[in-house]
Amino acid sequence: MDRTTYSLVATDLDGTLLRGDDTVSDRSLAALARVAGAGARHLVVTGRPA
């Protein structure tokens, strides 16, 4: 089976990457480490005002 290679992974901030207490879970940190280890970039997307 072919594996798709991604060069960019985008995540929402509130309620997705950040939990209700504004921390990032160990599971999410591990996933982001795998993203970086695979050579992809991580982009944070948010609806927060600038």
N, C-alpha and C. Protein backbone atom coordinates (compact mmCIF):
# COMPACT_ATOMS: atom_id res chain seq x y z
N MET A 1 0.85 -1.18 0.00
CA MET A 1 0.00 0.00 0.00
C MET A 1 0.90 1.24 0.00
N ASP A 2 0.60 2.19 -0.86
CA ASP A 2 1.36 3.44 -0.92
C ASP A 2 0.98 4.33 0.25
N ARG A 3 1.97 5.03 0.78
CA ARG A 3 1.74 5.98 1.87
C ARG A 3 1.81 7.38 1.29
N THR A 4 0.88 8.21 1.68
CA THR A 4 0.88 9.60 1.25
C THR A 4 1.88 10.37 2.10
N THR A 5 2.68 11.21 1.46
CA THR A 5 3.63 12.05 2.17
C THR A 5 3.10 13.47 2.20
N TYR A 6 3.05 14.04 3.37
CA TYR A 6 2.57 15.40 3.54
C TYR A 6 3.75 16.31 3.88
N SER A 7 3.74 17.52 3.34
CA SER A 7 4.79 18.48 3.66
C SER A 7 4.30 19.51 4.67
N LEU A 8 2.98 19.55 4.90
CA LEU A 8 2.40 20.52 5.82
C LEU A 8 1.22 19.89 6.53
N VAL A 9 1.16 20.10 7.84
CA VAL A 9 0.01 19.68 8.64
C VAL A 9 -0.51 20.92 9.35
N ALA A 10 -1.78 21.24 9.16
CA ALA A 10 -2.38 22.41 9.79
C ALA A 10 -3.39 21.96 10.84
N THR A 11 -3.35 22.62 12.00
CA THR A 11 -4.31 22.32 13.06
C THR A 11 -4.93 23.60 13.57
N ASP A 12 -6.17 23.50 13.99
CA ASP A 12 -6.83 24.59 14.69
C ASP A 12 -6.17 24.70 16.06
N LEU A 13 -6.35 25.83 16.69
CA LEU A 13 -5.72 26.05 17.99
C LEU A 13 -6.66 25.67 19.13
N ASP A 14 -7.71 26.45 19.34
CA ASP A 14 -8.60 26.26 20.48
C ASP A 14 -9.50 25.04 20.31
N GLY A 15 -9.42 24.13 21.27
CA GLY A 15 -10.27 22.94 21.26
C GLY A 15 -9.75 21.82 20.37
N THR A 16 -8.67 22.06 19.67
CA THR A 16 -8.06 21.03 18.84
C THR A 16 -6.64 20.77 19.32
N LEU A 17 -5.75 21.73 19.11
CA LEU A 17 -4.39 21.58 19.62
C LEU A 17 -4.33 21.91 21.11
N LEU A 18 -5.01 22.98 21.50
CA LEU A 18 -5.04 23.36 22.91
C LEU A 18 -6.27 22.78 23.59
N ARG A 19 -6.06 22.25 24.78
CA ARG A 19 -7.18 21.77 25.58
C ARG A 19 -7.83 22.96 26.28
N GLY A 20 -8.86 22.70 27.04
CA GLY A 20 -9.60 23.75 27.73
C GLY A 20 -8.77 24.56 28.69
N ASP A 21 -7.70 23.95 29.22
CA ASP A 21 -6.82 24.68 30.15
C ASP A 21 -5.61 25.29 29.44
N ASP A 22 -5.68 25.40 28.12
CA ASP A 22 -4.63 26.00 27.28
C ASP A 22 -3.31 25.23 27.31
N THR A 23 -3.38 23.92 27.54
CA THR A 23 -2.19 23.08 27.46
C THR A 23 -2.32 22.14 26.26
N VAL A 24 -1.19 21.60 25.85
CA VAL A 24 -1.16 20.64 24.75
C VAL A 24 -0.93 19.26 25.36
N SER A 25 -1.73 18.30 24.96
CA SER A 25 -1.62 16.95 25.53
C SER A 25 -0.33 16.26 25.09
N ASP A 26 0.08 15.28 25.87
CA ASP A 26 1.25 14.48 25.50
C ASP A 26 1.02 13.79 24.16
N ARG A 27 -0.19 13.37 23.92
CA ARG A 27 -0.52 12.70 22.66
C ARG A 27 -0.33 13.65 21.48
N SER A 28 -0.79 14.89 21.63
CA SER A 28 -0.62 15.87 20.56
C SER A 28 0.85 16.22 20.36
N LEU A 29 1.59 16.36 21.46
CA LEU A 29 3.02 16.64 21.35
C LEU A 29 3.75 15.52 20.62
N ALA A 30 3.38 14.29 20.91
CA ALA A 30 3.99 13.15 20.23
C ALA A 30 3.65 13.15 18.75
N ALA A 31 2.41 13.49 18.43
CA ALA A 31 2.01 13.55 17.02
C ALA A 31 2.78 14.64 16.29
N LEU A 32 2.95 15.80 16.93
CA LEU A 32 3.71 16.88 16.31
C LEU A 32 5.18 16.50 16.15
N ALA A 33 5.71 15.73 17.07
CA ALA A 33 7.09 15.25 16.94
C ALA A 33 7.21 14.31 15.75
N ARG A 34 6.20 13.47 15.53
CA ARG A 34 6.21 12.59 14.36
C ARG A 34 6.12 13.39 13.07
N VAL A 35 5.31 14.45 13.08
CA VAL A 35 5.20 15.33 11.91
C VAL A 35 6.57 15.93 11.59
N ALA A 36 7.22 16.48 12.61
CA ALA A 36 8.54 17.09 12.41
C ALA A 36 9.56 16.04 11.97
N GLY A 37 9.50 14.88 12.58
CA GLY A 37 10.43 13.81 12.24
C GLY A 37 10.29 13.33 10.81
N ALA A 38 9.09 13.49 10.27
CA ALA A 38 8.84 13.09 8.88
C ALA A 38 9.20 14.21 7.91
N GLY A 39 9.66 15.35 8.45
CA GLY A 39 10.08 16.44 7.58
C GLY A 39 8.97 17.40 7.19
N ALA A 40 7.81 17.26 7.80
CA ALA A 40 6.70 18.15 7.47
C ALA A 40 6.70 19.34 8.42
N ARG A 41 6.06 20.40 7.99
CA ARG A 41 5.91 21.59 8.82
C ARG A 41 4.54 21.58 9.47
N HIS A 42 4.44 22.26 10.62
CA HIS A 42 3.18 22.37 11.34
C HIS A 42 2.73 23.82 11.28
N LEU A 43 1.50 24.03 10.87
CA LEU A 43 0.91 25.36 10.78
C LEU A 43 -0.27 25.44 11.73
N VAL A 44 -0.28 26.45 12.59
CA VAL A 44 -1.40 26.67 13.51
C VAL A 44 -2.37 27.63 12.85
N VAL A 45 -3.63 27.23 12.80
CA VAL A 45 -4.69 28.03 12.21
C VAL A 45 -5.65 28.39 13.33
N THR A 46 -6.06 29.66 13.40
CA THR A 46 -6.96 30.06 14.48
C THR A 46 -7.92 31.14 14.01
N GLY A 47 -9.04 31.21 14.69
CA GLY A 47 -10.00 32.28 14.45
C GLY A 47 -9.82 33.42 15.44
N ARG A 48 -8.80 33.31 16.29
CA ARG A 48 -8.54 34.37 17.26
C ARG A 48 -8.18 35.66 16.53
N PRO A 49 -8.62 36.79 17.09
CA PRO A 49 -8.24 38.05 16.45
C PRO A 49 -6.73 38.29 16.60
N ALA A 50 -6.18 38.97 15.63
CA ALA A 50 -4.73 39.25 15.64
C ALA A 50 -4.36 40.27 16.69
